[in-house]
């Protein structure tokens, strides 16, 4: 699976979480605090952030419960402004 597939799956999942309401690439880029062009390139496969692939591979090594726990921990840290 390519990195653009991962970003497209996640983008669609976020839309589904919003009851199917479409989310523009511009809005998603703003939420991620990145340039819209960068997000477009990720979704099109023109740019492939290597860290994203490594993160997904590492999460794939965990069982579902541990993966969910880690995702929640990361999400909480990001919400609290812990970006490094």
PDB file of N, CA and C in Angstrom:
ATOM      1  N   UNK A   1       0.857  -1.178   0.000  1.00  0.00           N
ATOM      2  CA  UNK A   1       0.000   0.000   0.000  1.00  0.00           C
ATOM      3  C   UNK A   1       0.897   1.233   0.000  1.00  0.00           C
ATOM      4  N   UNK A   2       0.572   2.164  -0.847  1.00  0.00           N
ATOM      5  CA  UNK A   2       1.342   3.397  -0.970  1.00  0.00           C
ATOM      6  C   UNK A   2       0.877   4.438   0.051  1.00  0.00           C
ATOM      7  N   UNK A   3       1.736   5.415   0.327  1.00  0.00           N
ATOM      8  CA  UNK A   3       1.399   6.437   1.320  1.00  0.00           C
ATOM      9  C   UNK A   3       0.170   7.238   0.901  1.00  0.00           C
ATOM     10  N   UNK A   4       0.014   7.494  -0.414  1.00  0.00           N
ATOM     11  CA  UNK A   4      -1.172   8.253  -0.833  1.00  0.00           C
ATOM     12  C   UNK A   4      -2.448   7.469  -0.548  1.00  0.00           C
ATOM     13  N   UNK A   5      -2.373   6.129  -0.634  1.00  0.00           N
ATOM     14  CA  UNK A   5      -3.538   5.312  -0.274  1.00  0.00           C
ATOM     15  C   UNK A   5      -3.898   5.519   1.197  1.00  0.00           C
ATOM     16  N   UNK A   6      -2.877   5.565   2.047  1.00  0.00           N
ATOM     17  CA  UNK A   6      -3.113   5.771   3.478  1.00  0.00           C
ATOM     18  C   UNK A   6      -3.789   7.117   3.735  1.00  0.00           C
ATOM     19  N   UNK A   7      -3.280   8.169   3.082  1.00  0.00           N
ATOM     20  CA  UNK A   7      -3.873   9.494   3.293  1.00  0.00           C
ATOM     21  C   UNK A   7      -5.296   9.561   2.754  1.00  0.00           C
ATOM     22  N   UNK A   8      -5.558   8.911   1.639  1.00  0.00           N
ATOM     23  CA  UNK A   8      -6.913   8.906   1.095  1.00  0.00           C
ATOM     24  C   UNK A   8      -7.872   8.122   1.984  1.00  0.00           C
ATOM     25  N   UNK A   9      -7.423   6.995   2.505  1.00  0.00           N
ATOM     26  CA  UNK A   9      -8.247   6.211   3.437  1.00  0.00           C
ATOM     27  C   UNK A   9      -8.572   7.041   4.677  1.00  0.00           C
ATOM     28  N   UNK A  10      -7.553   7.696   5.221  1.00  0.00           N
ATOM     29  CA  UNK A  10      -7.770   8.506   6.427  1.00  0.00           C
ATOM     30  C   UNK A  10      -8.667   9.708   6.149  1.00  0.00           C
ATOM     31  N   UNK A  11      -8.460  10.363   5.024  1.00  0.00           N
ATOM     32  CA  UNK A  11      -9.300  11.512   4.672  1.00  0.00           C
ATOM     33  C   UNK A  11     -10.764  11.066   4.578  1.00  0.00           C
ATOM     34  N   UNK A  12     -10.998   9.952   3.891  1.00  0.00           N
ATOM     35  CA  UNK A  12     -12.369   9.440   3.759  1.00  0.00           C
ATOM     36  C   UNK A  12     -12.951   9.027   5.104  1.00  0.00           C
ATOM     37  N   UNK A  13     -12.120   8.484   5.981  1.00  0.00           N
ATOM     38  CA  UNK A  13     -12.595   8.081   7.307  1.00  0.00           C
ATOM     39  C   UNK A  13     -12.991   9.297   8.133  1.00  0.00           C
ATOM     40  N   UNK A  14     -12.234  10.378   8.025  1.00  0.00           N
ATOM     41  CA  UNK A  14     -12.584  11.613   8.747  1.00  0.00           C
ATOM     42  C   UNK A  14     -13.890  12.164   8.201  1.00  0.00           C
ATOM     43  N   UNK A  15     -14.059  12.128   6.880  1.00  0.00           N
ATOM     44  CA  UNK A  15     -15.335  12.570   6.303  1.00  0.00           C
ATOM     45  C   UNK A  15     -16.483  11.716   6.823  1.00  0.00           C
ATOM     46  N   UNK A  16     -16.294  10.410   6.876  1.00  0.00           N
ATOM     47  CA  UNK A  16     -17.340   9.505   7.361  1.00  0.00           C
ATOM     48  C   UNK A  16     -17.674   9.809   8.817  1.00  0.00           C
ATOM     49  N   UNK A  17     -16.654  10.145   9.591  1.00  0.00           N
ATOM     50  CA  UNK A  17     -16.866  10.495  11.000  1.00  0.00           C
ATOM     51  C   UNK A  17     -17.740  11.747  11.116  1.00  0.00           C
ATOM     52  N   UNK A  18     -17.682  12.592  10.093  1.00  0.00           N
ATOM     53  CA  UNK A  18     -18.483  13.818  10.057  1.00  0.00           C
ATOM     54  C   UNK A  18     -19.811  13.575   9.322  1.00  0.00           C
ATOM     55  N   UNK A  19     -20.282  12.326   9.365  1.00  0.00           N
ATOM     56  CA  UNK A  19     -21.549  11.927   8.747  1.00  0.00           C
ATOM     57  C   UNK A  19     -21.557  12.182   7.237  1.00  0.00           C
ATOM     58  N   UNK A  20     -20.405  11.921   6.603  1.00  0.00           N
ATOM     59  CA  UNK A  20     -20.315  12.031   5.159  1.00  0.00           C
ATOM     60  C   UNK A  20     -20.125  13.430   4.627  1.00  0.00           C
ATOM     61  N   UNK A  21     -20.038  14.408   5.521  1.00  0.00           N
ATOM     62  CA  UNK A  21     -19.830  15.795   5.087  1.00  0.00           C
ATOM     63  C   UNK A  21     -18.443  15.899   4.459  1.00  0.00           C
ATOM     64  N   UNK A  22     -18.391  16.401   3.232  1.00  0.00           N
ATOM     65  CA  UNK A  22     -17.129  16.533   2.524  1.00  0.00           C
ATOM     66  C   UNK A  22     -16.220  17.524   3.245  1.00  0.00           C
ATOM     67  N   UNK A  23     -14.945  17.173   3.298  1.00  0.00           N
ATOM     68  CA  UNK A  23     -13.933  18.044   3.894  1.00  0.00           C
ATOM     69  C   UNK A  23     -12.947  18.387   2.793  1.00  0.00           C
ATOM     70  N   UNK A  24     -12.777  19.664   2.537  1.00  0.00           N
ATOM     71  CA  UNK A  24     -11.876  20.070   1.467  1.00  0.00           C
ATOM     72  C   UNK A  24     -10.428  19.785   1.863  1.00  0.00           C
ATOM     73  N   UNK A  25      -9.590  19.651   0.857  1.00  0.00           N
ATOM     74  CA  UNK A  25      -8.173  19.459   1.125  1.00  0.00           C
ATOM     75  C   UNK A  25      -7.604  20.675   1.843  1.00  0.00           C
ATOM     76  N   UNK A  26      -8.103  21.853   1.506  1.00  0.00           N
ATOM     77  CA  UNK A  26      -7.650  23.080   2.172  1.00  0.00           C
ATOM     78  C   UNK A  26      -7.973  23.024   3.661  1.00  0.00           C
ATOM     79  N   UNK A  27      -9.193  22.628   3.992  1.00  0.00           N
ATOM     80  CA  UNK A  27      -9.602  22.552   5.397  1.00  0.00           C
ATOM     81  C   UNK A  27      -8.783  21.498   6.150  1.00  0.00           C
ATOM     82  N   UNK A  28      -8.568  20.344   5.516  1.00  0.00           N
ATOM     83  CA  UNK A  28      -7.784  19.303   6.173  1.00  0.00           C
ATOM     84  C   UNK A  28      -6.349  19.769   6.384  1.00  0.00           C
ATOM     85  N   UNK A  29      -5.780  20.444   5.397  1.00  0.00           N
ATOM     86  CA  UNK A  29      -4.423  20.965   5.535  1.00  0.00           C
ATOM     87  C   UNK A  29      -4.344  21.961   6.688  1.00  0.00           C
ATOM     88  N   UNK A  30      -5.354  22.804   6.818  1.00  0.00           N
ATOM     89  CA  UNK A  30      -5.395  23.762   7.933  1.00  0.00           C
ATOM     90  C   UNK A  30      -5.447  23.032   9.268  1.00  0.00           C
ATOM     91  N   UNK A  31      -6.262  21.975   9.345  1.00  0.00           N
ATOM     92  CA  UNK A  31      -6.355  21.192  10.581  1.00  0.00           C
ATOM     93  C   UNK A  31      -5.010  20.549  10.933  1.00  0.00           C
ATOM     94  N   UNK A  32      -4.255  20.160   9.894  1.00  0.00           N
ATOM     95  CA  UNK A  32      -2.958  19.518  10.105  1.00  0.00           C
ATOM     96  C   UNK A  32      -1.819  20.532  10.227  1.00  0.00           C
ATOM     97  N   UNK A  33      -2.157  21.809  10.008  1.00  0.00           N
ATOM     98  CA  UNK A  33      -1.177  22.888  10.089  1.00  0.00           C
ATOM     99  C   UNK A  33      -0.037  22.701   9.078  1.00  0.00           C
ATOM    100  N   UNK A  34      -0.440  22.351   7.853  1.00  0.00           N
ATOM    101  CA  UNK A  34       0.518  22.201   6.763  1.00  0.00           C
ATOM    102  C   UNK A  34      -0.008  22.941   5.538  1.00  0.00           C
ATOM    103  N   UNK A  35       0.864  23.268   4.588  1.00  0.00           N
ATOM    104  CA  UNK A  35       0.377  23.906   3.358  1.00  0.00           C
ATOM    105  C   UNK A  35      -0.553  22.990   2.578  1.00  0.00           C
ATOM    106  N   UNK A  36      -1.559  23.579   1.941  1.00  0.00           N
ATOM    107  CA  UNK A  36      -2.506  22.786   1.171  1.00  0.00           C
ATOM    108  C   UNK A  36      -1.791  22.016   0.066  1.00  0.00           C
ATOM    109  N   UNK A  37      -0.799  22.620  -0.565  1.00  0.00           N
ATOM    110  CA  UNK A  37      -0.071  21.948  -1.650  1.00  0.00           C
ATOM    111  C   UNK A  37       0.606  20.676  -1.133  1.00  0.00           C
ATOM    112  N   UNK A  38       1.144  20.731   0.065  1.00  0.00           N
ATOM    113  CA  UNK A  38       1.771  19.553   0.664  1.00  0.00           C
ATOM    114  C   UNK A  38       0.740  18.443   0.834  1.00  0.00           C
ATOM    115  N   UNK A  39      -0.421  18.787   1.364  1.00  0.00           N
ATOM    116  CA  UNK A  39      -1.473  17.792   1.563  1.00  0.00           C
ATOM    117  C   UNK A  39      -1.930  17.213   0.221  1.00  0.00           C
ATOM    118  N   UNK A  40      -2.093  18.077  -0.783  1.00  0.00           N
ATOM    119  CA  UNK A  40      -2.474  17.600  -2.116  1.00  0.00           C
ATOM    120  C   UNK A  40      -1.434  16.623  -2.653  1.00  0.00           C
ATOM    121  N   UNK A  41      -0.169  16.974  -2.500  1.00  0.00           N
ATOM    122  CA  UNK A  41       0.896  16.099  -2.982  1.00  0.00           C
ATOM    123  C   UNK A  41       0.889  14.755  -2.269  1.00  0.00           C
ATOM    124  N   UNK A  42       0.604  14.758  -0.973  1.00  0.00           N
ATOM    125  CA  UNK A  42       0.521  13.499  -0.226  1.00  0.00           C
ATOM    126  C   UNK A  42      -0.608  12.642  -0.768  1.00  0.00           C
ATOM    127  N   UNK A  43      -1.776  13.248  -0.994  1.00  0.00           N
ATOM    128  CA  UNK A  43      -2.940  12.482  -1.468  1.00  0.00           C
ATOM    129  C   UNK A  43      -2.765  11.980  -2.891  1.00  0.00           C
ATOM    130  N   UNK A  44      -2.032  12.730  -3.698  1.00  0.00           N
ATOM    131  CA  UNK A  44      -1.805  12.324  -5.085  1.00  0.00           C
ATOM    132  C   UNK A  44      -0.620  11.374  -5.236  1.00  0.00           C
ATOM    133  N   UNK A  45       0.197  11.283  -4.206  1.00  0.00           N
ATOM    134  CA  UNK A  45       1.374  10.433  -4.276  1.00  0.00           C
ATOM    135  C   UNK A  45       2.579  11.129  -4.890  1.00  0.00           C
ATOM    136  N   UNK A  46       2.493  12.448  -5.096  1.00  0.00           N
ATOM    137  CA  UNK A  46       3.619  13.207  -5.644  1.00  0.00           C
ATOM    138  C   UNK A  46       4.728  13.384  -4.617  1.00  0.00           C
ATOM    139  N   UNK A  47       4.361  13.313  -3.367  1.00  0.00           N
ATOM    140  CA  UNK A  47       5.309  13.424  -2.256  1.00  0.00           C
ATOM    141  C   UNK A  47       4.957  12.321  -1.276  1.00  0.00           C
ATOM    142  N   UNK A  48       5.980  11.662  -0.750  1.00  0.00           N
ATOM    143  CA  UNK A  48       5.735  10.533   0.142  1.00  0.00           C
ATOM    144  C   UNK A  48       6.492  10.731   1.453  1.00  0.00           C
ATOM    145  N   UNK A  49       5.799  11.230   2.475  1.00  0.00           N
ATOM    146  CA  UNK A  49       6.473  11.421   3.764  1.00  0.00           C
ATOM    147  C   UNK A  49       6.862  10.064   4.363  1.00  0.00           C
ATOM    148  N   UNK A  50       8.133   9.804   4.420  1.00  0.00           N
ATOM    149  CA  UNK A  50       8.627   8.508   4.881  1.00  0.00           C
ATOM    150  C   UNK A  50       8.228   8.207   6.321  1.00  0.00           C
ATOM    151  N   UNK A  51       8.140   9.221   7.146  1.00  0.00           N
ATOM    152  CA  UNK A  51       7.763   9.003   8.543  1.00  0.00           C
ATOM    153  C   UNK A  51       6.370   8.392   8.645  1.00  0.00           C
ATOM    154  N   UNK A  52       5.467   8.801   7.777  1.00  0.00           N
ATOM    155  CA  UNK A  52       4.099   8.278   7.820  1.00  0.00           C
ATOM    156  C   UNK A  52       4.096   6.774   7.585  1.00  0.00           C
ATOM    157  N   UNK A  53       4.852   6.324   6.617  1.00  0.00           N
ATOM    158  CA  UNK A  53       4.914   4.896   6.325  1.00  0.00           C
ATOM    159  C   UNK A  53       5.496   4.133   7.519  1.00  0.00           C
ATOM    160  N   UNK A  54       6.564   4.675   8.094  1.00  0.00           N
ATOM    161  CA  UNK A  54       7.189   4.022   9.246  1.00  0.00           C
ATOM    162  C   UNK A  54       6.230   3.945  10.427  1.00  0.00           C
ATOM    163  N   UNK A  55       5.481   5.003  10.664  1.00  0.00           N
ATOM    164  CA  UNK A  55       4.522   5.023  11.772  1.00  0.00           C
ATOM    165  C   UNK A  55       3.460   3.947  11.567  1.00  0.00           C
ATOM    166  N   UNK A  56       2.922   3.856  10.351  1.00  0.00           N
ATOM    167  CA  UNK A  56       1.897   2.850  10.093  1.00  0.00           C
ATOM    168  C   UNK A  56       2.447   1.438  10.199  1.00  0.00           C
ATOM    169  N   UNK A  57       3.668   1.237   9.761  1.00  0.00           N
ATOM    170  CA  UNK A  57       4.273  -0.090   9.888  1.00  0.00           C
ATOM    171  C   UNK A  57       4.440  -0.459  11.361  1.00  0.00           C
ATOM    172  N   UNK A  58       4.870   0.504  12.172  1.00  0.00           N
ATOM    173  CA  UNK A  58       5.037   0.241  13.603  1.00  0.00           C
ATOM    174  C   UNK A  58       3.694  -0.047  14.259  1.00  0.00           C
ATOM    175  N   UNK A  59       2.664   0.733  13.928  1.00  0.00           N
ATOM    176  CA  UNK A  59       1.333   0.491  14.486  1.00  0.00           C
ATOM    177  C   UNK A  59       0.818  -0.878  14.056  1.00  0.00           C
ATOM    178  N   UNK A  60       1.157  -1.290  12.842  1.00  0.00           N
ATOM    179  CA  UNK A  60       0.739  -2.588  12.344  1.00  0.00           C
ATOM    180  C   UNK A  60       1.355  -3.755  13.099  1.00  0.00           C
ATOM    181  N   UNK A  61       2.437  -3.505  13.811  1.00  0.00           N
ATOM    182  CA  UNK A  61       3.085  -4.543  14.609  1.00  0.00           C
ATOM    183  C   UNK A  61       2.360  -4.779  15.942  1.00  0.00           C
ATOM    184  N   UNK A  62       1.476  -3.855  16.312  1.00  0.00           N
ATOM    185  CA  UNK A  62       0.773  -3.942  17.588  1.00  0.00           C
ATOM    186  C   UNK A  62      -0.572  -4.640  17.417  1.00  0.00           C
ATOM    187  N   UNK A  63      -1.059  -5.236  18.505  1.00  0.00           N
ATOM    188  CA  UNK A  63      -2.419  -5.758  18.435  1.00  0.00           C
ATOM    189  C   UNK A  63      -3.386  -4.575  18.488  1.00  0.00           C
ATOM    190  N   UNK A  64      -4.633  -4.803  18.162  1.00  0.00           N
ATOM    191  CA  UNK A  64      -5.609  -3.723  18.022  1.00  0.00           C
ATOM    192  C   UNK A  64      -5.726  -2.867  19.279  1.00  0.00           C
ATOM    193  N   UNK A  65      -5.771  -3.498  20.426  1.00  0.00           N
ATOM    194  CA  UNK A  65      -5.937  -2.773  21.682  1.00  0.00           C
ATOM    195  C   UNK A  65      -4.750  -1.849  21.948  1.00  0.00           C
ATOM    196  N   UNK A  66      -3.548  -2.356  21.755  1.00  0.00           N
ATOM    197  CA  UNK A  66      -2.359  -1.528  21.984  1.00  0.00           C
ATOM    198  C   UNK A  66      -2.251  -0.408  20.949  1.00  0.00           C
ATOM    199  N   UNK A  67      -2.586  -0.716  19.695  1.00  0.00           N
ATOM    200  CA  UNK A  67      -2.538   0.307  18.648  1.00  0.00           C
ATOM    201  C   UNK A  67      -3.506   1.438  18.975  1.00  0.00           C
ATOM    202  N   UNK A  68      -4.714   1.103  19.397  1.00  0.00           N
ATOM    203  CA  UNK A  68      -5.695   2.121  19.745  1.00  0.00           C
ATOM    204  C   UNK A  68      -5.226   2.942  20.942  1.00  0.00           C
ATOM    205  N   UNK A  69      -4.627   2.286  21.930  1.00  0.00           N
ATOM    206  CA  UNK A  69      -4.110   2.997  23.099  1.00  0.00           C
ATOM    207  C   UNK A  69      -3.035   3.999  22.684  1.00  0.00           C
ATOM    208  N   UNK A  70      -2.140   3.580  21.805  1.00  0.00           N
ATOM    209  CA  UNK A  70      -1.062   4.454  21.348  1.00  0.00           C
ATOM    210  C   UNK A  70      -1.614   5.617  20.528  1.00  0.00           C
ATOM    211  N   UNK A  71      -2.569   5.332  19.653  1.00  0.00           N
ATOM    212  CA  UNK A  71      -3.173   6.394  18.841  1.00  0.00           C
ATOM    213  C   UNK A  71      -3.841   7.427  19.738  1.00  0.00           C
ATOM    214  N   UNK A  72      -4.554   6.981  20.755  1.00  0.00           N
ATOM    215  CA  UNK A  72      -5.201   7.910  21.688  1.00  0.00           C
ATOM    216  C   UNK A  72      -4.164   8.722  22.449  1.00  0.00           C
ATOM    217  N   UNK A  73      -3.077   8.091  22.853  1.00  0.00           N
ATOM    218  CA  UNK A  73      -2.009   8.799  23.572  1.00  0.00           C
ATOM    219  C   UNK A  73      -1.380   9.868  22.674  1.00  0.00           C
ATOM    220  N   UNK A  74      -1.110   9.517  21.417  1.00  0.00           N
ATOM    221  CA  UNK A  74      -0.539  10.480  20.469  1.00  0.00           C
ATOM    222  C   UNK A  74      -1.518  11.626  20.241  1.00  0.00           C
ATOM    223  N   UNK A  75      -2.789  11.291  20.032  1.00  0.00           N
ATOM    224  CA  UNK A  75      -3.806  12.315  19.798  1.00  0.00           C
ATOM    225  C   UNK A  75      -3.906  13.276  20.977  1.00  0.00           C
ATOM    226  N   UNK A  76      -3.904  12.732  22.173  1.00  0.00           N
ATOM    227  CA  UNK A  76      -3.979  13.574  23.368  1.00  0.00           C
ATOM    228  C   UNK A  76      -2.754  14.490  23.451  1.00  0.00           C
ATOM    229  N   UNK A  77      -1.583  13.949  23.165  1.00  0.00           N
ATOM    230  CA  UNK A  77      -0.377  14.773  23.178  1.00  0.00           C
ATOM    231  C   UNK A  77      -0.418  15.883  22.157  1.00  0.00           C
ATOM    232  N   UNK A  78      -0.934  15.599  20.963  1.00  0.00           N
ATOM    233  CA  UNK A  78      -1.041  16.621  19.934  1.00  0.00           C
ATOM    234  C   UNK A  78      -2.052  17.690  20.322  1.00  0.00           C
ATOM    235  N   UNK A  79      -3.148  17.291  20.947  1.00  0.00           N
ATOM    236  CA  UNK A  79      -4.148  18.255  21.386  1.00  0.00           C
ATOM    237  C   UNK A  79      -3.604  19.174  22.464  1.00  0.00           C
ATOM    238  N   UNK A  80      -2.670  18.660  23.240  1.00  0.00           N
ATOM    239  CA  UNK A  80      -2.069  19.442  24.320  1.00  0.00           C
ATOM    240  C   UNK A  80      -0.858  20.243  23.834  1.00  0.00           C
ATOM    241  N   UNK A  81      -0.632  20.249  22.524  1.00  0.00           N
ATOM    242  CA  UNK A  81       0.447  21.037  21.964  1.00  0.00           C
ATOM    243  C   UNK A  81       1.811  20.380  21.978  1.00  0.00           C
ATOM    244  N   UNK A  82       1.851  19.098  22.254  1.00  0.00           N
ATOM    245  CA  UNK A  82       3.128  18.374  22.281  1.00  0.00           C
ATOM    246  C   UNK A  82       3.394  17.857  20.875  1.00  0.00           C
ATOM    247  N   UNK A  83       4.126  18.635  20.082  1.00  0.00           N
ATOM    248  CA  UNK A  83       4.369  18.256  18.687  1.00  0.00           C
ATOM    249  C   UNK A  83       5.724  17.614  18.481  1.00  0.00           C
ATOM    250  N   UNK A  84       6.553  17.571  19.446  1.00  0.00           N
ATOM    251  CA  UNK A  84       7.879  16.958  19.291  1.00  0.00           C
ATOM    252  C   UNK A  84       8.032  15.798  20.233  1.00  0.00           C
TER     253      UNK A  84
END
